[in-house]
N, C-alpha and C. Protein backbone atom coordinates (compact mmCIF):
# COMPACT_ATOMS: atom_id res chain seq x y z
N MET A 1 99.40 -8.30 -23.34
CA MET A 1 98.72 -9.24 -24.20
C MET A 1 97.76 -10.09 -23.42
N THR A 2 98.07 -10.31 -22.13
CA THR A 2 97.14 -11.08 -21.31
C THR A 2 95.84 -10.33 -21.16
N ASP A 3 95.92 -8.98 -20.91
CA ASP A 3 94.69 -8.19 -20.78
C ASP A 3 93.91 -8.19 -22.08
N GLY A 4 94.62 -8.11 -23.21
CA GLY A 4 93.92 -8.12 -24.50
C GLY A 4 93.22 -9.42 -24.73
N GLY A 5 93.90 -10.58 -24.32
CA GLY A 5 93.25 -11.87 -24.50
C GLY A 5 92.02 -12.00 -23.63
N ALA A 6 92.08 -11.45 -22.39
CA ALA A 6 90.91 -11.52 -21.50
C ALA A 6 89.76 -10.75 -22.07
N ALA A 7 90.07 -9.58 -22.65
CA ALA A 7 89.02 -8.76 -23.24
C ALA A 7 88.37 -9.47 -24.39
N SER A 8 89.17 -10.17 -25.24
CA SER A 8 88.60 -10.84 -26.41
C SER A 8 87.77 -12.03 -25.99
N SER A 9 88.06 -12.69 -24.83
CA SER A 9 87.28 -13.86 -24.38
C SER A 9 85.96 -13.45 -23.78
N VAL A 10 85.87 -12.22 -23.21
CA VAL A 10 84.62 -11.75 -22.58
C VAL A 10 83.65 -11.24 -23.63
N THR A 11 84.14 -10.64 -24.65
CA THR A 11 83.29 -10.00 -25.65
C THR A 11 82.33 -10.97 -26.34
N PRO A 12 82.80 -12.17 -26.79
CA PRO A 12 81.85 -13.09 -27.42
C PRO A 12 80.77 -13.55 -26.46
N ALA A 13 81.13 -13.79 -25.19
CA ALA A 13 80.11 -14.24 -24.22
C ALA A 13 79.05 -13.18 -24.04
N SER A 14 79.48 -11.90 -23.93
CA SER A 14 78.52 -10.80 -23.78
C SER A 14 77.64 -10.71 -25.01
N GLY A 15 78.21 -10.96 -26.16
CA GLY A 15 77.41 -10.93 -27.39
C GLY A 15 76.38 -12.02 -27.42
N ARG A 16 76.70 -13.22 -26.91
CA ARG A 16 75.72 -14.31 -26.91
C ARG A 16 74.56 -13.98 -26.00
N ARG A 17 74.83 -13.38 -24.84
CA ARG A 17 73.74 -13.06 -23.92
C ARG A 17 72.80 -12.02 -24.51
N ARG A 18 73.36 -11.03 -25.19
CA ARG A 18 72.51 -10.00 -25.80
C ARG A 18 71.67 -10.60 -26.92
N ALA A 19 72.16 -11.60 -27.63
CA ALA A 19 71.43 -12.21 -28.73
C ALA A 19 70.29 -13.09 -28.24
N GLU A 20 70.39 -13.63 -27.03
CA GLU A 20 69.33 -14.53 -26.53
C GLU A 20 68.12 -13.77 -26.05
N ARG A 21 68.25 -12.56 -25.55
CA ARG A 21 67.11 -11.82 -24.99
C ARG A 21 66.04 -11.51 -26.01
N PRO A 22 66.34 -11.03 -27.19
CA PRO A 22 65.28 -10.77 -28.17
C PRO A 22 64.51 -12.03 -28.52
N SER A 23 65.17 -13.20 -28.59
CA SER A 23 64.47 -14.42 -28.97
C SER A 23 63.43 -14.78 -27.92
N ARG A 24 63.70 -14.57 -26.63
CA ARG A 24 62.71 -14.87 -25.60
C ARG A 24 61.53 -13.92 -25.71
N ARG A 25 61.77 -12.66 -26.07
CA ARG A 25 60.67 -11.72 -26.23
C ARG A 25 59.80 -12.10 -27.42
N ARG A 26 60.40 -12.59 -28.51
CA ARG A 26 59.63 -13.00 -29.69
C ARG A 26 58.77 -14.20 -29.36
N GLU A 27 59.23 -15.15 -28.55
CA GLU A 27 58.44 -16.32 -28.16
C GLU A 27 57.21 -15.89 -27.38
N THR A 28 57.39 -14.88 -26.55
CA THR A 28 56.25 -14.41 -25.76
C THR A 28 55.20 -13.78 -26.66
N ARG A 29 55.65 -12.99 -27.66
CA ARG A 29 54.71 -12.33 -28.55
C ARG A 29 54.00 -13.32 -29.47
N LEU A 30 54.65 -14.40 -29.85
CA LEU A 30 54.08 -15.36 -30.79
C LEU A 30 53.28 -16.46 -30.11
N GLY A 31 52.99 -16.35 -28.84
CA GLY A 31 52.18 -17.35 -28.13
C GLY A 31 50.76 -17.39 -28.67
N ALA A 32 49.90 -18.43 -28.26
CA ALA A 32 48.52 -18.59 -28.74
C ALA A 32 47.69 -17.37 -28.39
N PRO A 33 46.97 -16.78 -29.35
CA PRO A 33 46.16 -15.59 -29.08
C PRO A 33 44.98 -15.94 -28.19
N PRO A 34 44.52 -15.04 -27.35
CA PRO A 34 43.35 -15.31 -26.48
C PRO A 34 42.09 -15.52 -27.31
N VAL A 35 41.16 -16.38 -26.83
CA VAL A 35 39.91 -16.65 -27.54
C VAL A 35 39.01 -15.44 -27.42
N PRO A 36 38.52 -14.91 -28.56
CA PRO A 36 37.65 -13.71 -28.48
C PRO A 36 36.32 -14.05 -27.84
N ARG A 37 35.83 -13.19 -26.99
CA ARG A 37 34.55 -13.38 -26.35
C ARG A 37 33.46 -12.71 -27.18
N PRO A 38 32.29 -13.39 -27.34
CA PRO A 38 31.21 -12.75 -28.12
C PRO A 38 30.74 -11.49 -27.43
N SER A 39 30.49 -10.49 -28.20
CA SER A 39 30.07 -9.21 -27.64
C SER A 39 28.62 -9.28 -27.20
N PHE A 40 28.25 -8.40 -26.29
CA PHE A 40 26.86 -8.33 -25.82
C PHE A 40 25.93 -7.98 -26.97
N GLN A 41 26.42 -7.17 -27.91
CA GLN A 41 25.59 -6.76 -29.04
C GLN A 41 25.22 -7.94 -29.92
N SER A 42 26.20 -8.84 -30.20
CA SER A 42 25.91 -9.99 -31.06
C SER A 42 24.94 -10.95 -30.36
N ARG A 43 25.09 -11.13 -29.05
CA ARG A 43 24.13 -11.97 -28.31
C ARG A 43 22.74 -11.37 -28.35
N GLY A 44 22.66 -10.07 -28.26
CA GLY A 44 21.36 -9.38 -28.29
C GLY A 44 20.65 -9.59 -29.61
N TRP A 45 21.40 -9.54 -30.73
CA TRP A 45 20.79 -9.75 -32.06
C TRP A 45 20.27 -11.17 -32.18
N ARG A 46 21.02 -12.15 -31.65
CA ARG A 46 20.57 -13.54 -31.73
C ARG A 46 19.30 -13.76 -30.92
N ILE A 47 19.26 -13.17 -29.73
CA ILE A 47 18.06 -13.29 -28.89
C ILE A 47 16.87 -12.63 -29.56
N ALA A 48 17.09 -11.45 -30.15
CA ALA A 48 16.01 -10.75 -30.83
C ALA A 48 15.48 -11.58 -32.01
N GLY A 49 16.39 -12.22 -32.76
CA GLY A 49 15.97 -13.07 -33.88
C GLY A 49 15.13 -14.24 -33.42
N LEU A 50 15.52 -14.86 -32.30
CA LEU A 50 14.75 -15.99 -31.76
C LEU A 50 13.37 -15.54 -31.31
N VAL A 51 13.30 -14.36 -30.67
CA VAL A 51 12.01 -13.84 -30.20
C VAL A 51 11.09 -13.57 -31.38
N VAL A 52 11.61 -12.97 -32.45
CA VAL A 52 10.80 -12.68 -33.63
C VAL A 52 10.30 -13.98 -34.28
N ALA A 53 11.20 -14.97 -34.40
CA ALA A 53 10.79 -16.25 -34.99
C ALA A 53 9.71 -16.93 -34.16
N LEU A 54 9.86 -16.88 -32.83
CA LEU A 54 8.86 -17.48 -31.94
C LEU A 54 7.53 -16.76 -32.06
N ALA A 55 7.56 -15.43 -32.14
CA ALA A 55 6.32 -14.66 -32.26
C ALA A 55 5.61 -14.96 -33.57
N LEU A 56 6.37 -15.08 -34.66
CA LEU A 56 5.76 -15.41 -35.96
C LEU A 56 5.14 -16.80 -35.93
N THR A 57 5.84 -17.76 -35.34
CA THR A 57 5.31 -19.13 -35.26
C THR A 57 4.04 -19.16 -34.42
N LEU A 58 4.06 -18.48 -33.28
CA LEU A 58 2.88 -18.44 -32.41
C LEU A 58 1.71 -17.76 -33.10
N GLY A 59 1.99 -16.67 -33.82
CA GLY A 59 0.93 -15.97 -34.54
C GLY A 59 0.31 -16.84 -35.61
N TRP A 60 1.15 -17.61 -36.33
CA TRP A 60 0.62 -18.50 -37.36
C TRP A 60 -0.24 -19.59 -36.75
N LEU A 61 0.18 -20.14 -35.60
CA LEU A 61 -0.60 -21.20 -34.94
C LEU A 61 -1.96 -20.67 -34.50
N VAL A 62 -2.00 -19.45 -33.94
CA VAL A 62 -3.26 -18.85 -33.52
C VAL A 62 -4.16 -18.62 -34.73
N TRP A 63 -3.59 -18.08 -35.81
CA TRP A 63 -4.38 -17.86 -37.03
C TRP A 63 -4.93 -19.18 -37.57
N TYR A 64 -4.11 -20.21 -37.59
CA TYR A 64 -4.54 -21.52 -38.09
C TYR A 64 -5.66 -22.09 -37.23
N ALA A 65 -5.52 -21.96 -35.90
CA ALA A 65 -6.52 -22.53 -34.99
C ALA A 65 -7.87 -21.84 -35.12
N MET A 66 -7.86 -20.54 -35.47
CA MET A 66 -9.10 -19.78 -35.49
C MET A 66 -9.68 -19.57 -36.88
N THR A 67 -9.13 -20.23 -37.89
CA THR A 67 -9.64 -20.05 -39.25
C THR A 67 -9.86 -21.39 -39.95
N PRO A 68 -10.77 -22.22 -39.41
CA PRO A 68 -11.08 -23.46 -40.14
C PRO A 68 -11.86 -23.15 -41.41
N GLU A 69 -12.02 -24.13 -42.25
CA GLU A 69 -12.76 -23.97 -43.50
C GLU A 69 -14.20 -23.56 -43.21
N ARG A 70 -14.74 -22.65 -44.04
CA ARG A 70 -16.09 -22.15 -43.82
C ARG A 70 -17.13 -23.24 -44.05
N LEU A 71 -18.22 -23.17 -43.31
CA LEU A 71 -19.32 -24.11 -43.49
C LEU A 71 -20.18 -23.68 -44.68
N PRO A 72 -20.83 -24.64 -45.35
CA PRO A 72 -21.66 -24.30 -46.51
C PRO A 72 -22.85 -23.43 -46.11
N VAL A 73 -23.17 -22.46 -46.97
CA VAL A 73 -24.35 -21.61 -46.77
C VAL A 73 -25.19 -21.61 -48.04
N SER A 74 -26.46 -21.22 -47.90
CA SER A 74 -27.37 -21.21 -49.03
C SER A 74 -28.22 -19.94 -48.98
N ALA A 75 -28.65 -19.47 -50.13
CA ALA A 75 -29.54 -18.30 -50.20
C ALA A 75 -31.00 -18.70 -50.07
N LYS A 76 -31.27 -19.95 -49.82
CA LYS A 76 -32.65 -20.46 -49.76
C LYS A 76 -33.41 -19.89 -48.57
N VAL A 77 -34.69 -19.55 -48.81
CA VAL A 77 -35.61 -19.13 -47.76
C VAL A 77 -36.67 -20.22 -47.60
N VAL A 78 -36.79 -20.75 -46.40
CA VAL A 78 -37.74 -21.84 -46.14
C VAL A 78 -39.05 -21.26 -45.63
N ASN A 79 -40.15 -21.70 -46.22
CA ASN A 79 -41.48 -21.32 -45.74
C ASN A 79 -42.08 -22.50 -44.99
N ALA A 80 -42.39 -22.30 -43.71
CA ALA A 80 -42.88 -23.38 -42.87
C ALA A 80 -44.22 -22.99 -42.25
N ASN A 81 -45.18 -23.91 -42.31
CA ASN A 81 -46.51 -23.65 -41.75
C ASN A 81 -46.87 -24.75 -40.76
N GLY A 82 -47.36 -24.32 -39.60
CA GLY A 82 -47.76 -25.27 -38.57
C GLY A 82 -49.00 -24.80 -37.86
N VAL A 83 -49.37 -25.54 -36.80
CA VAL A 83 -50.56 -25.18 -36.02
C VAL A 83 -50.19 -25.10 -34.55
N VAL A 84 -50.95 -24.34 -33.82
CA VAL A 84 -50.73 -24.16 -32.40
C VAL A 84 -50.78 -25.50 -31.68
N GLY A 85 -49.84 -25.73 -30.78
CA GLY A 85 -49.84 -26.93 -29.95
C GLY A 85 -49.13 -28.12 -30.56
N THR A 86 -48.70 -28.02 -31.79
CA THR A 86 -47.96 -29.11 -32.44
C THR A 86 -46.56 -28.63 -32.82
N PRO A 87 -45.51 -29.25 -32.28
CA PRO A 87 -44.15 -28.83 -32.63
C PRO A 87 -43.91 -28.97 -34.14
N LEU A 88 -43.28 -27.97 -34.68
CA LEU A 88 -42.95 -27.95 -36.11
C LEU A 88 -41.44 -28.00 -36.25
N TYR A 89 -40.94 -28.88 -37.10
CA TYR A 89 -39.51 -29.07 -37.28
C TYR A 89 -39.09 -28.51 -38.63
N VAL A 90 -38.10 -27.62 -38.59
CA VAL A 90 -37.66 -26.91 -39.79
C VAL A 90 -36.17 -27.16 -40.00
N GLY A 91 -35.79 -27.71 -41.13
CA GLY A 91 -34.38 -27.95 -41.42
C GLY A 91 -33.68 -26.66 -41.81
N MET A 92 -32.53 -26.38 -41.17
CA MET A 92 -31.80 -25.14 -41.44
C MET A 92 -30.41 -25.38 -42.04
N PHE A 93 -29.80 -26.50 -41.71
CA PHE A 93 -28.47 -26.79 -42.27
C PHE A 93 -28.31 -28.29 -42.47
N ALA A 94 -27.93 -28.68 -43.67
CA ALA A 94 -27.70 -30.09 -43.99
C ALA A 94 -26.25 -30.25 -44.44
N ALA A 95 -25.47 -31.00 -43.67
CA ALA A 95 -24.07 -31.23 -44.04
C ALA A 95 -24.02 -32.19 -45.22
N PRO A 96 -23.37 -31.80 -46.32
CA PRO A 96 -23.31 -32.71 -47.47
C PRO A 96 -22.61 -34.02 -47.12
N GLY A 97 -22.99 -35.08 -47.83
CA GLY A 97 -22.40 -36.39 -47.55
C GLY A 97 -20.90 -36.43 -47.71
N ASP A 98 -20.36 -35.56 -48.59
CA ASP A 98 -18.91 -35.53 -48.82
C ASP A 98 -18.24 -34.41 -48.03
N LEU A 99 -18.84 -34.04 -46.92
CA LEU A 99 -18.26 -32.96 -46.10
C LEU A 99 -16.81 -33.27 -45.74
N GLY A 100 -16.51 -34.52 -45.41
CA GLY A 100 -15.13 -34.91 -45.10
C GLY A 100 -14.58 -34.29 -43.84
N ARG A 101 -15.43 -33.87 -42.92
CA ARG A 101 -14.98 -33.24 -41.69
C ARG A 101 -15.80 -33.80 -40.52
N THR A 102 -15.20 -33.74 -39.33
CA THR A 102 -15.91 -34.11 -38.10
C THR A 102 -15.89 -32.90 -37.18
N LEU A 103 -17.06 -32.35 -36.89
CA LEU A 103 -17.17 -31.15 -36.08
C LEU A 103 -17.72 -31.50 -34.71
N ARG A 104 -17.04 -31.06 -33.67
CA ARG A 104 -17.53 -31.23 -32.30
C ARG A 104 -18.28 -29.95 -31.95
N ILE A 105 -19.61 -30.04 -31.88
CA ILE A 105 -20.44 -28.86 -31.71
C ILE A 105 -20.44 -28.38 -30.25
N SER A 106 -20.21 -27.08 -30.08
CA SER A 106 -20.32 -26.47 -28.76
C SER A 106 -21.72 -25.93 -28.53
N GLY A 107 -22.36 -25.47 -29.60
CA GLY A 107 -23.71 -24.94 -29.49
C GLY A 107 -24.17 -24.38 -30.82
N VAL A 108 -25.46 -24.10 -30.92
CA VAL A 108 -26.05 -23.52 -32.13
C VAL A 108 -26.78 -22.25 -31.74
N GLN A 109 -26.40 -21.15 -32.36
CA GLN A 109 -27.02 -19.86 -32.07
C GLN A 109 -28.17 -19.60 -33.04
N VAL A 110 -29.30 -19.18 -32.49
CA VAL A 110 -30.50 -18.93 -33.30
C VAL A 110 -31.04 -17.55 -32.96
N HIS A 111 -31.32 -16.76 -34.01
CA HIS A 111 -31.93 -15.44 -33.80
C HIS A 111 -33.30 -15.45 -34.48
N THR A 112 -34.35 -15.16 -33.67
CA THR A 112 -35.72 -15.21 -34.16
C THR A 112 -36.43 -13.89 -33.87
N THR A 113 -37.17 -13.42 -34.86
CA THR A 113 -38.03 -12.24 -34.69
C THR A 113 -39.47 -12.70 -34.88
N SER A 114 -40.32 -12.46 -33.89
CA SER A 114 -41.70 -12.92 -33.98
C SER A 114 -42.65 -11.91 -33.33
N ASP A 115 -43.93 -12.02 -33.69
CA ASP A 115 -44.92 -11.10 -33.14
C ASP A 115 -45.45 -11.55 -31.79
N VAL A 116 -45.23 -12.82 -31.43
CA VAL A 116 -45.61 -13.32 -30.11
C VAL A 116 -44.48 -14.21 -29.59
N LYS A 117 -44.60 -14.58 -28.34
CA LYS A 117 -43.57 -15.42 -27.75
C LYS A 117 -43.71 -16.85 -28.25
N LEU A 118 -42.59 -17.43 -28.68
CA LEU A 118 -42.57 -18.84 -29.07
C LEU A 118 -41.23 -19.45 -28.68
N LYS A 119 -41.16 -20.75 -28.72
CA LYS A 119 -39.96 -21.46 -28.30
C LYS A 119 -39.30 -22.09 -29.52
N VAL A 120 -38.03 -21.80 -29.71
CA VAL A 120 -37.26 -22.35 -30.84
C VAL A 120 -36.06 -23.10 -30.27
N THR A 121 -35.96 -24.38 -30.58
CA THR A 121 -34.90 -25.23 -30.03
C THR A 121 -34.10 -25.89 -31.15
N PRO A 122 -32.78 -25.67 -31.21
CA PRO A 122 -31.97 -26.35 -32.22
C PRO A 122 -31.71 -27.80 -31.83
N LEU A 123 -31.71 -28.68 -32.81
CA LEU A 123 -31.48 -30.11 -32.59
C LEU A 123 -30.57 -30.65 -33.68
N LEU A 124 -29.86 -31.72 -33.34
CA LEU A 124 -29.01 -32.41 -34.32
C LEU A 124 -29.76 -33.63 -34.84
N CYS A 125 -29.97 -33.66 -36.14
CA CYS A 125 -30.61 -34.79 -36.80
C CYS A 125 -29.51 -35.69 -37.35
N ARG A 126 -29.37 -36.89 -36.80
CA ARG A 126 -28.31 -37.79 -37.23
C ARG A 126 -28.74 -38.58 -38.47
N ARG A 127 -27.81 -38.63 -39.42
CA ARG A 127 -27.99 -39.41 -40.65
C ARG A 127 -29.34 -39.14 -41.30
N GLY A 128 -29.63 -37.84 -41.45
CA GLY A 128 -30.88 -37.49 -42.11
C GLY A 128 -31.02 -35.99 -42.26
N THR A 129 -31.95 -35.58 -43.09
CA THR A 129 -32.24 -34.16 -43.29
C THR A 129 -33.75 -33.96 -43.23
N VAL A 130 -34.13 -32.76 -42.85
CA VAL A 130 -35.54 -32.40 -42.71
C VAL A 130 -35.80 -31.14 -43.50
N GLY A 131 -36.93 -31.11 -44.22
CA GLY A 131 -37.38 -29.88 -44.83
C GLY A 131 -38.27 -29.17 -43.82
N VAL A 132 -39.56 -29.47 -43.86
CA VAL A 132 -40.52 -29.00 -42.86
C VAL A 132 -41.41 -30.19 -42.53
N THR A 133 -41.54 -30.52 -41.24
CA THR A 133 -42.31 -31.69 -40.85
C THR A 133 -42.75 -31.60 -39.39
N THR A 134 -43.75 -32.40 -39.07
CA THR A 134 -44.14 -32.57 -37.66
C THR A 134 -43.73 -33.95 -37.17
N LYS A 135 -43.12 -34.75 -38.04
CA LYS A 135 -42.69 -36.11 -37.69
C LYS A 135 -41.22 -36.32 -38.09
N PRO A 136 -40.29 -35.74 -37.35
CA PRO A 136 -38.87 -35.82 -37.72
C PRO A 136 -38.31 -37.23 -37.63
N GLU A 137 -38.91 -38.10 -36.82
CA GLU A 137 -38.41 -39.46 -36.67
C GLU A 137 -38.46 -40.24 -37.98
N GLU A 138 -39.26 -39.77 -38.92
CA GLU A 138 -39.32 -40.43 -40.22
C GLU A 138 -38.10 -40.10 -41.08
N PHE A 139 -37.36 -39.06 -40.70
CA PHE A 139 -36.23 -38.60 -41.51
C PHE A 139 -34.89 -38.71 -40.79
N CYS A 140 -34.94 -38.76 -39.46
CA CYS A 140 -33.71 -38.75 -38.67
C CYS A 140 -33.54 -40.08 -37.94
N ALA A 141 -32.32 -40.62 -37.97
CA ALA A 141 -32.04 -41.83 -37.18
C ALA A 141 -32.08 -41.51 -35.70
N ASP A 142 -31.76 -40.28 -35.34
CA ASP A 142 -31.80 -39.83 -33.94
C ASP A 142 -31.90 -38.32 -33.95
N LEU A 143 -32.51 -37.77 -32.90
CA LEU A 143 -32.69 -36.32 -32.80
C LEU A 143 -32.27 -35.92 -31.39
N VAL A 144 -31.15 -35.17 -31.28
CA VAL A 144 -30.56 -34.89 -29.97
C VAL A 144 -30.14 -33.43 -29.85
N ASP A 145 -29.89 -33.03 -28.60
CA ASP A 145 -29.31 -31.72 -28.33
C ASP A 145 -27.91 -31.70 -28.95
N PRO A 146 -27.61 -30.70 -29.80
CA PRO A 146 -26.32 -30.71 -30.50
C PRO A 146 -25.10 -30.41 -29.64
N ALA A 147 -25.29 -29.78 -28.48
CA ALA A 147 -24.14 -29.39 -27.64
C ALA A 147 -23.34 -30.61 -27.21
N GLY A 148 -22.04 -30.60 -27.55
CA GLY A 148 -21.15 -31.70 -27.18
C GLY A 148 -21.19 -32.87 -28.13
N GLU A 149 -22.03 -32.81 -29.16
CA GLU A 149 -22.15 -33.91 -30.12
C GLU A 149 -21.28 -33.67 -31.35
N ARG A 150 -21.05 -34.74 -32.11
CA ARG A 150 -20.28 -34.64 -33.35
C ARG A 150 -21.21 -34.55 -34.55
N LEU A 151 -20.85 -33.68 -35.48
CA LEU A 151 -21.60 -33.55 -36.72
C LEU A 151 -20.70 -33.99 -37.86
N VAL A 152 -21.20 -34.90 -38.70
CA VAL A 152 -20.44 -35.39 -39.85
C VAL A 152 -21.31 -35.28 -41.10
N GLY A 153 -20.74 -35.62 -42.25
CA GLY A 153 -21.51 -35.59 -43.48
C GLY A 153 -22.77 -36.43 -43.38
N GLY A 154 -23.89 -35.88 -43.85
CA GLY A 154 -25.17 -36.59 -43.77
C GLY A 154 -26.02 -36.19 -42.59
N ASP A 155 -25.44 -35.48 -41.59
CA ASP A 155 -26.21 -34.98 -40.46
C ASP A 155 -26.78 -33.61 -40.81
N SER A 156 -27.68 -33.12 -39.95
CA SER A 156 -28.27 -31.80 -40.21
C SER A 156 -28.68 -31.13 -38.90
N ILE A 157 -28.90 -29.83 -38.99
CA ILE A 157 -29.39 -29.03 -37.86
C ILE A 157 -30.84 -28.67 -38.14
N VAL A 158 -31.69 -28.98 -37.18
CA VAL A 158 -33.13 -28.77 -37.30
C VAL A 158 -33.60 -27.88 -36.15
N LEU A 159 -34.59 -27.04 -36.42
CA LEU A 159 -35.19 -26.22 -35.37
C LEU A 159 -36.58 -26.75 -35.03
N ARG A 160 -36.82 -26.92 -33.74
CA ARG A 160 -38.17 -27.27 -33.30
C ARG A 160 -38.85 -25.98 -32.82
N VAL A 161 -39.97 -25.65 -33.47
CA VAL A 161 -40.69 -24.41 -33.18
C VAL A 161 -42.00 -24.77 -32.49
N GLU A 162 -42.22 -24.16 -31.32
CA GLU A 162 -43.43 -24.42 -30.54
C GLU A 162 -44.09 -23.10 -30.16
N ALA A 163 -45.41 -23.03 -30.36
CA ALA A 163 -46.14 -21.81 -30.03
C ALA A 163 -47.48 -22.17 -29.40
N GLU A 164 -47.88 -21.36 -28.45
CA GLU A 164 -49.16 -21.58 -27.76
C GLU A 164 -50.27 -20.73 -28.36
N GLN A 165 -49.93 -19.90 -29.32
CA GLN A 165 -50.92 -19.09 -30.01
C GLN A 165 -50.42 -18.80 -31.42
N ALA A 166 -51.31 -18.31 -32.23
CA ALA A 166 -50.94 -18.02 -33.62
C ALA A 166 -49.74 -17.07 -33.64
N ALA A 167 -48.84 -17.34 -34.56
CA ALA A 167 -47.61 -16.54 -34.59
C ALA A 167 -47.04 -16.46 -36.00
N LEU A 168 -46.29 -15.42 -36.21
CA LEU A 168 -45.52 -15.27 -37.44
C LEU A 168 -44.10 -14.94 -37.02
N ALA A 169 -43.14 -15.73 -37.49
CA ALA A 169 -41.75 -15.57 -37.05
C ALA A 169 -40.80 -15.64 -38.24
N VAL A 170 -39.71 -14.92 -38.12
CA VAL A 170 -38.63 -14.98 -39.09
C VAL A 170 -37.38 -15.46 -38.35
N VAL A 171 -36.83 -16.57 -38.82
CA VAL A 171 -35.64 -17.15 -38.20
C VAL A 171 -34.45 -16.92 -39.11
N ASP A 172 -33.43 -16.27 -38.60
CA ASP A 172 -32.24 -15.99 -39.42
C ASP A 172 -31.36 -17.24 -39.53
N ARG A 173 -30.41 -17.16 -40.44
CA ARG A 173 -29.45 -18.27 -40.61
C ARG A 173 -28.79 -18.62 -39.28
N VAL A 174 -28.69 -19.91 -38.99
CA VAL A 174 -28.11 -20.33 -37.71
C VAL A 174 -26.59 -20.15 -37.75
N ARG A 175 -26.01 -20.08 -36.57
CA ARG A 175 -24.56 -20.02 -36.43
C ARG A 175 -24.13 -21.19 -35.55
N ILE A 176 -23.14 -21.94 -36.02
CA ILE A 176 -22.71 -23.14 -35.33
C ILE A 176 -21.34 -22.89 -34.70
N ALA A 177 -21.26 -23.08 -33.39
CA ALA A 177 -19.97 -23.00 -32.68
C ALA A 177 -19.42 -24.42 -32.59
N TYR A 178 -18.20 -24.61 -33.05
CA TYR A 178 -17.65 -25.97 -33.11
C TYR A 178 -16.14 -25.97 -32.99
N ARG A 179 -15.62 -27.17 -32.73
CA ARG A 179 -14.18 -27.41 -32.73
C ARG A 179 -13.87 -28.53 -33.70
N GLU A 180 -12.80 -28.37 -34.44
CA GLU A 180 -12.36 -29.38 -35.41
C GLU A 180 -10.86 -29.61 -35.20
N ASP A 181 -10.51 -30.73 -34.57
CA ASP A 181 -9.12 -30.98 -34.18
C ASP A 181 -8.68 -29.84 -33.26
N VAL A 182 -7.62 -29.10 -33.65
CA VAL A 182 -7.15 -27.98 -32.82
C VAL A 182 -7.77 -26.66 -33.26
N ARG A 183 -8.68 -26.71 -34.21
CA ARG A 183 -9.27 -25.48 -34.74
C ARG A 183 -10.67 -25.28 -34.18
N TRP A 184 -11.07 -24.03 -34.04
CA TRP A 184 -12.42 -23.76 -33.56
C TRP A 184 -12.92 -22.44 -34.14
N ASP A 185 -14.26 -22.31 -34.17
CA ASP A 185 -14.85 -21.08 -34.70
C ASP A 185 -16.36 -21.13 -34.47
N THR A 186 -17.02 -20.00 -34.69
CA THR A 186 -18.48 -19.92 -34.74
C THR A 186 -18.82 -19.34 -36.10
N GLN A 187 -19.54 -20.10 -36.92
CA GLN A 187 -19.75 -19.71 -38.31
C GLN A 187 -21.21 -19.83 -38.70
N PRO A 188 -21.66 -18.97 -39.63
CA PRO A 188 -23.00 -19.12 -40.19
C PRO A 188 -23.04 -20.38 -41.07
N ALA A 189 -24.21 -21.00 -41.12
CA ALA A 189 -24.33 -22.24 -41.89
C ALA A 189 -25.76 -22.42 -42.38
N GLY A 190 -25.88 -23.01 -43.56
CA GLY A 190 -27.19 -23.42 -44.05
C GLY A 190 -28.03 -22.33 -44.70
N ASN A 191 -29.35 -22.53 -44.62
CA ASN A 191 -30.31 -21.65 -45.29
C ASN A 191 -30.27 -20.22 -44.74
N ARG A 192 -30.56 -19.28 -45.63
CA ARG A 192 -30.49 -17.88 -45.24
C ARG A 192 -31.55 -17.51 -44.21
N GLN A 193 -32.72 -18.10 -44.34
CA GLN A 193 -33.82 -17.66 -43.50
C GLN A 193 -34.96 -18.68 -43.52
N ALA A 194 -35.76 -18.64 -42.48
CA ALA A 194 -37.00 -19.44 -42.44
C ALA A 194 -38.13 -18.52 -42.00
N ILE A 195 -39.22 -18.55 -42.74
CA ILE A 195 -40.42 -17.78 -42.38
C ILE A 195 -41.45 -18.79 -41.87
N VAL A 196 -41.77 -18.67 -40.60
CA VAL A 196 -42.62 -19.67 -39.94
C VAL A 196 -43.97 -19.03 -39.60
N THR A 197 -45.04 -19.71 -40.02
CA THR A 197 -46.40 -19.27 -39.71
C THR A 197 -47.09 -20.34 -38.88
N ILE A 198 -47.51 -19.96 -37.69
CA ILE A 198 -48.24 -20.87 -36.80
C ILE A 198 -49.70 -20.39 -36.74
N SER A 199 -50.60 -21.27 -37.14
CA SER A 199 -52.03 -20.90 -37.18
C SER A 199 -52.79 -21.54 -36.03
N ASP A 200 -53.93 -20.92 -35.68
CA ASP A 200 -54.82 -21.53 -34.70
C ASP A 200 -55.41 -22.80 -35.29
N ARG A 201 -55.77 -23.72 -34.40
CA ARG A 201 -56.44 -24.95 -34.86
C ARG A 201 -57.81 -24.60 -35.39
N ALA A 202 -58.23 -25.31 -36.41
CA ALA A 202 -59.54 -25.07 -37.01
C ALA A 202 -60.65 -25.45 -36.03
């Protein structure tokens, strides 16, 4: 009976030890899961999306900078008559008073076809407009080289035509290169054409 009692006292202890081992294994399995790391593929898609968005924004900024509002043009043809040795001033573009813009002029492009050599010089007429005249000071508050100057409503672009002999010339519509804030362009402006006749002195 002593051996039987010893056997019965050992059995419960062995049973308790076997019951504790599974519980420790379950605690290990139920621990906090590891934090998932973002895959290289998901990072690649995010980078690609940022690159596309940046490219679209940059493209829009370039388009905006290079497409300012068009300058006014006219189908009018100006007929101008002058004499040799006297500068003739021909108005080619008049900015309307309600233009509502300030243009920083880089230069004025002029294309002239003539039967003899003559000199054609673009000028900025401040606060005035000219049709055809030999006395521009009567119409312009100031007459200056347009390069680097500002053009606003009420100003105009005038051509000074000088010839040392009789001439017949056709002047095409001028093109104005300018900057407006962050925008810039070179655009046609004003009258379609000027036909200039320079006669010998009587």
